[in-house]
Amino acid sequence: MNYINILIGILSIFAGIMLIKYYQKLKSENKTGGLSFKIQTGGIGAIIIGIGLILRELF
């Protein structure tokens, strides 16, 4: 088991959650889409990548 990949996965999940929270803040300030939607999609992608890294190392 490679603990570095698990740590990177946890950090990726944390970064994804922070991006989504930043998106929610941006969305409440100005009601437009565009870049803020891309930020949310990037956050979801980071969470999925983090979960994938952790699952790959555990199984």
PDB file of N, CA and C in Angstrom:
ATOM      1  N   MET A   1       0.851  -1.168   0.000  1.00  0.00           N
ATOM      2  CA  MET A   1       0.000   0.000   0.000  1.00  0.00           C
ATOM      3  C   MET A   1       0.902   1.238   0.000  1.00  0.00           C
ATOM      4  N   ASN A   2       0.605   2.138  -0.898  1.00  0.00           N
ATOM      5  CA  ASN A   2       1.395   3.351  -1.038  1.00  0.00           C
ATOM      6  C   ASN A   2       0.669   4.492  -0.328  1.00  0.00           C
ATOM      7  N   TYR A   3       1.245   4.931   0.774  1.00  0.00           N
ATOM      8  CA  TYR A   3       0.588   5.959   1.578  1.00  0.00           C
ATOM      9  C   TYR A   3       0.619   7.332   0.920  1.00  0.00           C
ATOM     10  N   ILE A   4       1.557   7.553   0.020  1.00  0.00           N
ATOM     11  CA  ILE A   4       1.622   8.841  -0.675  1.00  0.00           C
ATOM     12  C   ILE A   4       0.388   9.021  -1.560  1.00  0.00           C
ATOM     13  N   ASN A   5      -0.028   7.971  -2.258  1.00  0.00           N
ATOM     14  CA  ASN A   5      -1.227   8.070  -3.099  1.00  0.00           C
ATOM     15  C   ASN A   5      -2.483   8.303  -2.265  1.00  0.00           C
ATOM     16  N   ILE A   6      -2.550   7.690  -1.097  1.00  0.00           N
ATOM     17  CA  ILE A   6      -3.699   7.917  -0.218  1.00  0.00           C
ATOM     18  C   ILE A   6      -3.708   9.361   0.264  1.00  0.00           C
ATOM     19  N   LEU A   7      -2.545   9.892   0.610  1.00  0.00           N
ATOM     20  CA  LEU A   7      -2.448  11.284   1.042  1.00  0.00           C
ATOM     21  C   LEU A   7      -2.826  12.238  -0.088  1.00  0.00           C
ATOM     22  N   ILE A   8      -2.366  11.955  -1.293  1.00  0.00           N
ATOM     23  CA  ILE A   8      -2.726  12.781  -2.449  1.00  0.00           C
ATOM     24  C   ILE A   8      -4.235  12.709  -2.698  1.00  0.00           C
ATOM     25  N   GLY A   9      -4.824  11.536  -2.530  1.00  0.00           N
ATOM     26  CA  GLY A   9      -6.270  11.389  -2.690  1.00  0.00           C
ATOM     27  C   GLY A   9      -7.046  12.210  -1.678  1.00  0.00           C
ATOM     28  N   ILE A  10      -6.604  12.188  -0.432  1.00  0.00           N
ATOM     29  CA  ILE A  10      -7.274  12.972   0.608  1.00  0.00           C
ATOM     30  C   ILE A  10      -7.135  14.463   0.321  1.00  0.00           C
ATOM     31  N   LEU A  11      -5.944  14.896  -0.090  1.00  0.00           N
ATOM     32  CA  LEU A  11      -5.741  16.305  -0.427  1.00  0.00           C
ATOM     33  C   LEU A  11      -6.575  16.717  -1.634  1.00  0.00           C
ATOM     34  N   SER A  12      -6.725  15.811  -2.590  1.00  0.00           N
ATOM     35  CA  SER A  12      -7.540  16.103  -3.767  1.00  0.00           C
ATOM     36  C   SER A  12      -9.013  16.252  -3.390  1.00  0.00           C
ATOM     37  N   ILE A  13      -9.499  15.397  -2.517  1.00  0.00           N
ATOM     38  CA  ILE A  13     -10.880  15.509  -2.046  1.00  0.00           C
ATOM     39  C   ILE A  13     -11.069  16.829  -1.299  1.00  0.00           C
ATOM     40  N   PHE A  14     -10.109  17.180  -0.449  1.00  0.00           N
ATOM     41  CA  PHE A  14     -10.188  18.439   0.292  1.00  0.00           C
ATOM     42  C   PHE A  14     -10.196  19.634  -0.658  1.00  0.00           C
ATOM     43  N   ALA A  15      -9.333  19.600  -1.682  1.00  0.00           N
ATOM     44  CA  ALA A  15      -9.290  20.696  -2.659  1.00  0.00           C
ATOM     45  C   ALA A  15     -10.602  20.787  -3.434  1.00  0.00           C
ATOM     46  N   GLY A  16     -11.189  19.651  -3.780  1.00  0.00           N
ATOM     47  CA  GLY A  16     -12.470  19.652  -4.481  1.00  0.00           C
ATOM     48  C   GLY A  16     -13.582  20.256  -3.652  1.00  0.00           C
ATOM     49  N   ILE A  17     -13.603  19.927  -2.370  1.00  0.00           N
ATOM     50  CA  ILE A  17     -14.622  20.491  -1.483  1.00  0.00           C
ATOM     51  C   ILE A  17     -14.436  21.997  -1.352  1.00  0.00           C
ATOM     52  N   MET A  18     -13.182  22.439  -1.245  1.00  0.00           N
ATOM     53  CA  MET A  18     -12.921  23.875  -1.141  1.00  0.00           C
ATOM     54  C   MET A  18     -13.318  24.602  -2.425  1.00  0.00           C
ATOM     55  N   LEU A  19     -13.095  23.989  -3.583  1.00  0.00           N
ATOM     56  CA  LEU A  19     -13.504  24.611  -4.841  1.00  0.00           C
ATOM     57  C   LEU A  19     -15.023  24.750  -4.929  1.00  0.00           C
ATOM     58  N   ILE A  20     -15.737  23.731  -4.482  1.00  0.00           N
ATOM     59  CA  ILE A  20     -17.200  23.799  -4.524  1.00  0.00           C
ATOM     60  C   ILE A  20     -17.712  24.869  -3.562  1.00  0.00           C
ATOM     61  N   LYS A  21     -17.096  24.973  -2.375  1.00  0.00           N
ATOM     62  CA  LYS A  21     -17.495  26.034  -1.446  1.00  0.00           C
ATOM     63  C   LYS A  21     -17.205  27.403  -2.039  1.00  0.00           C
ATOM     64  N   TYR A  22     -16.070  27.547  -2.736  1.00  0.00           N
ATOM     65  CA  TYR A  22     -15.732  28.808  -3.395  1.00  0.00           C
ATOM     66  C   TYR A  22     -16.748  29.115  -4.487  1.00  0.00           C
ATOM     67  N   TYR A  23     -17.185  28.095  -5.202  1.00  0.00           N
ATOM     68  CA  TYR A  23     -18.212  28.268  -6.237  1.00  0.00           C
ATOM     69  C   TYR A  23     -19.509  28.781  -5.631  1.00  0.00           C
ATOM     70  N   GLN A  24     -19.904  28.222  -4.500  1.00  0.00           N
ATOM     71  CA  GLN A  24     -21.143  28.663  -3.862  1.00  0.00           C
ATOM     72  C   GLN A  24     -21.048  30.128  -3.447  1.00  0.00           C
ATOM     73  N   LYS A  25     -19.879  30.535  -2.950  1.00  0.00           N
ATOM     74  CA  LYS A  25     -19.676  31.933  -2.574  1.00  0.00           C
ATOM     75  C   LYS A  25     -19.736  32.829  -3.806  1.00  0.00           C
ATOM     76  N   LEU A  26     -19.103  32.401  -4.890  1.00  0.00           N
ATOM     77  CA  LEU A  26     -19.084  33.181  -6.124  1.00  0.00           C
ATOM     78  C   LEU A  26     -20.486  33.285  -6.716  1.00  0.00           C
ATOM     79  N   LYS A  27     -21.238  32.202  -6.618  1.00  0.00           N
ATOM     80  CA  LYS A  27     -22.593  32.177  -7.172  1.00  0.00           C
ATOM     81  C   LYS A  27     -23.519  33.115  -6.402  1.00  0.00           C
ATOM     82  N   SER A  28     -23.326  33.214  -5.087  1.00  0.00           N
ATOM     83  CA  SER A  28     -24.194  34.090  -4.304  1.00  0.00           C
ATOM     84  C   SER A  28     -23.872  35.565  -4.544  1.00  0.00           C
ATOM     85  N   GLU A  29     -22.604  35.879  -4.881  1.00  0.00           N
ATOM     86  CA  GLU A  29     -22.226  37.271  -5.123  1.00  0.00           C
ATOM     87  C   GLU A  29     -22.744  37.771  -6.467  1.00  0.00           C
ATOM     88  N   ASN A  30     -22.490  37.025  -7.521  1.00  0.00           N
ATOM     89  CA  ASN A  30     -23.009  37.411  -8.839  1.00  0.00           C
ATOM     90  C   ASN A  30     -23.755  36.221  -9.421  1.00  0.00           C
ATOM     91  N   LYS A  31     -24.877  36.464  -9.958  1.00  0.00           N
ATOM     92  CA  LYS A  31     -25.800  35.394 -10.367  1.00  0.00           C
ATOM     93  C   LYS A  31     -25.509  34.841 -11.762  1.00  0.00           C
ATOM     94  N   THR A  32     -24.289  35.018 -12.262  1.00  0.00           N
ATOM     95  CA  THR A  32     -23.976  34.541 -13.605  1.00  0.00           C
ATOM     96  C   THR A  32     -23.271  33.195 -13.543  1.00  0.00           C
ATOM     97  N   GLY A  33     -23.219  32.521 -14.662  1.00  0.00           N
ATOM     98  CA  GLY A  33     -22.551  31.222 -14.745  1.00  0.00           C
ATOM     99  C   GLY A  33     -21.146  31.386 -15.289  1.00  0.00           C
ATOM    100  N   GLY A  34     -20.820  30.650 -16.322  1.00  0.00           N
ATOM    101  CA  GLY A  34     -19.521  30.785 -16.978  1.00  0.00           C
ATOM    102  C   GLY A  34     -18.395  30.155 -16.194  1.00  0.00           C
ATOM    103  N   LEU A  35     -17.462  30.975 -15.745  1.00  0.00           N
ATOM    104  CA  LEU A  35     -16.276  30.485 -15.054  1.00  0.00           C
ATOM    105  C   LEU A  35     -16.633  29.792 -13.750  1.00  0.00           C
ATOM    106  N   SER A  36     -17.631  30.293 -13.047  1.00  0.00           N
ATOM    107  CA  SER A  36     -17.997  29.685 -11.772  1.00  0.00           C
ATOM    108  C   SER A  36     -18.506  28.256 -11.970  1.00  0.00           C
ATOM    109  N   PHE A  37     -19.181  27.982 -13.083  1.00  0.00           N
ATOM    110  CA  PHE A  37     -19.625  26.617 -13.366  1.00  0.00           C
ATOM    111  C   PHE A  37     -18.423  25.712 -13.613  1.00  0.00           C
ATOM    112  N   LYS A  38     -17.401  26.229 -14.286  1.00  0.00           N
ATOM    113  CA  LYS A  38     -16.192  25.441 -14.528  1.00  0.00           C
ATOM    114  C   LYS A  38     -15.463  25.152 -13.222  1.00  0.00           C
ATOM    115  N   ILE A  39     -15.504  26.093 -12.287  1.00  0.00           N
ATOM    116  CA  ILE A  39     -14.888  25.871 -10.978  1.00  0.00           C
ATOM    117  C   ILE A  39     -15.603  24.737 -10.250  1.00  0.00           C
ATOM    118  N   GLN A  40     -16.931  24.716 -10.291  1.00  0.00           N
ATOM    119  CA  GLN A  40     -17.684  23.652  -9.636  1.00  0.00           C
ATOM    120  C   GLN A  40     -17.382  22.300 -10.280  1.00  0.00           C
ATOM    121  N   THR A  41     -17.315  22.260 -11.595  1.00  0.00           N
ATOM    122  CA  THR A  41     -17.011  21.013 -12.293  1.00  0.00           C
ATOM    123  C   THR A  41     -15.610  20.524 -11.943  1.00  0.00           C
ATOM    124  N   GLY A  42     -14.667  21.440 -11.819  1.00  0.00           N
ATOM    125  CA  GLY A  42     -13.312  21.069 -11.403  1.00  0.00           C
ATOM    126  C   GLY A  42     -13.290  20.505  -9.995  1.00  0.00           C
ATOM    127  N   GLY A  43     -14.113  21.053  -9.115  1.00  0.00           N
ATOM    128  CA  GLY A  43     -14.191  20.540  -7.748  1.00  0.00           C
ATOM    129  C   GLY A  43     -14.757  19.135  -7.701  1.00  0.00           C
ATOM    130  N   ILE A  44     -15.786  18.887  -8.488  1.00  0.00           N
ATOM    131  CA  ILE A  44     -16.369  17.544  -8.549  1.00  0.00           C
ATOM    132  C   ILE A  44     -15.356  16.560  -9.126  1.00  0.00           C
ATOM    133  N   GLY A  45     -14.633  16.986 -10.151  1.00  0.00           N
ATOM    134  CA  GLY A  45     -13.600  16.131 -10.739  1.00  0.00           C
ATOM    135  C   GLY A  45     -12.494  15.804  -9.756  1.00  0.00           C
ATOM    136  N   ALA A  46     -12.078  16.788  -8.953  1.00  0.00           N
ATOM    137  CA  ALA A  46     -11.029  16.552  -7.957  1.00  0.00           C
ATOM    138  C   ALA A  46     -11.492  15.552  -6.906  1.00  0.00           C
ATOM    139  N   ILE A  47     -12.754  15.630  -6.517  1.00  0.00           N
ATOM    140  CA  ILE A  47     -13.286  14.673  -5.541  1.00  0.00           C
ATOM    141  C   ILE A  47     -13.299  13.265  -6.131  1.00  0.00           C
ATOM    142  N   ILE A  48     -13.717  13.132  -7.377  1.00  0.00           N
ATOM    143  CA  ILE A  48     -13.761  11.817  -8.024  1.00  0.00           C
ATOM    144  C   ILE A  48     -12.354  11.243  -8.174  1.00  0.00           C
ATOM    145  N   ILE A  49     -11.397  12.066  -8.566  1.00  0.00           N
ATOM    146  CA  ILE A  49     -10.013  11.600  -8.697  1.00  0.00           C
ATOM    147  C   ILE A  49      -9.470  11.160  -7.340  1.00  0.00           C
ATOM    148  N   GLY A  50      -9.759  11.928  -6.292  1.00  0.00           N
ATOM    149  CA  GLY A  50      -9.297  11.558  -4.953  1.00  0.00           C
ATOM    150  C   GLY A  50      -9.878  10.239  -4.487  1.00  0.00           C
ATOM    151  N   ILE A  51     -11.166  10.040  -4.717  1.00  0.00           N
ATOM    152  CA  ILE A  51     -11.797   8.773  -4.331  1.00  0.00           C
ATOM    153  C   ILE A  51     -11.194   7.621  -5.130  1.00  0.00           C
ATOM    154  N   GLY A  52     -10.950   7.858  -6.418  1.00  0.00           N
ATOM    155  CA  GLY A  52     -10.341   6.817  -7.252  1.00  0.00           C
ATOM    156  C   GLY A  52      -8.952   6.433  -6.781  1.00  0.00           C
ATOM    157  N   LEU A  53      -8.143   7.421  -6.407  1.00  0.00           N
ATOM    158  CA  LEU A  53      -6.795   7.124  -5.902  1.00  0.00           C
ATOM    159  C   LEU A  53      -6.849   6.305  -4.619  1.00  0.00           C
ATOM    160  N   ILE A  54      -7.738   6.690  -3.720  1.00  0.00           N
ATOM    161  CA  ILE A  54      -7.837   5.968  -2.451  1.00  0.00           C
ATOM    162  C   ILE A  54      -8.331   4.546  -2.674  1.00  0.00           C
ATOM    163  N   LEU A  55      -9.351   4.370  -3.504  1.00  0.00           N
ATOM    164  CA  LEU A  55      -9.876   3.021  -3.754  1.00  0.00           C
ATOM    165  C   LEU A  55      -8.853   2.139  -4.458  1.00  0.00           C
ATOM    166  N   ARG A  56      -8.078   2.711  -5.372  1.00  0.00           N
ATOM    167  CA  ARG A  56      -7.062   1.935  -6.074  1.00  0.00           C
ATOM    168  C   ARG A  56      -5.990   1.426  -5.107  1.00  0.00           C
ATOM    169  N   GLU A  57      -5.654   2.225  -4.116  1.00  0.00           N
ATOM    170  CA  GLU A  57      -4.630   1.804  -3.165  1.00  0.00           C
ATOM    171  C   GLU A  57      -5.162   0.816  -2.131  1.00  0.00           C
ATOM    172  N   LEU A  58      -6.438   0.908  -1.812  1.00  0.00           N
ATOM    173  CA  LEU A  58      -6.984   0.017  -0.789  1.00  0.00           C
ATOM    174  C   LEU A  58      -7.335  -1.362  -1.332  1.00  0.00           C
ATOM    175  N   PHE A  59      -7.678  -1.457  -2.618  1.00  0.00           N
ATOM    176  CA  PHE A  59      -8.097  -2.747  -3.165  1.00  0.00           C
ATOM    177  C   PHE A  59      -7.143  -3.241  -4.171  1.00  0.00           C
TER     178      PHE A  59
END
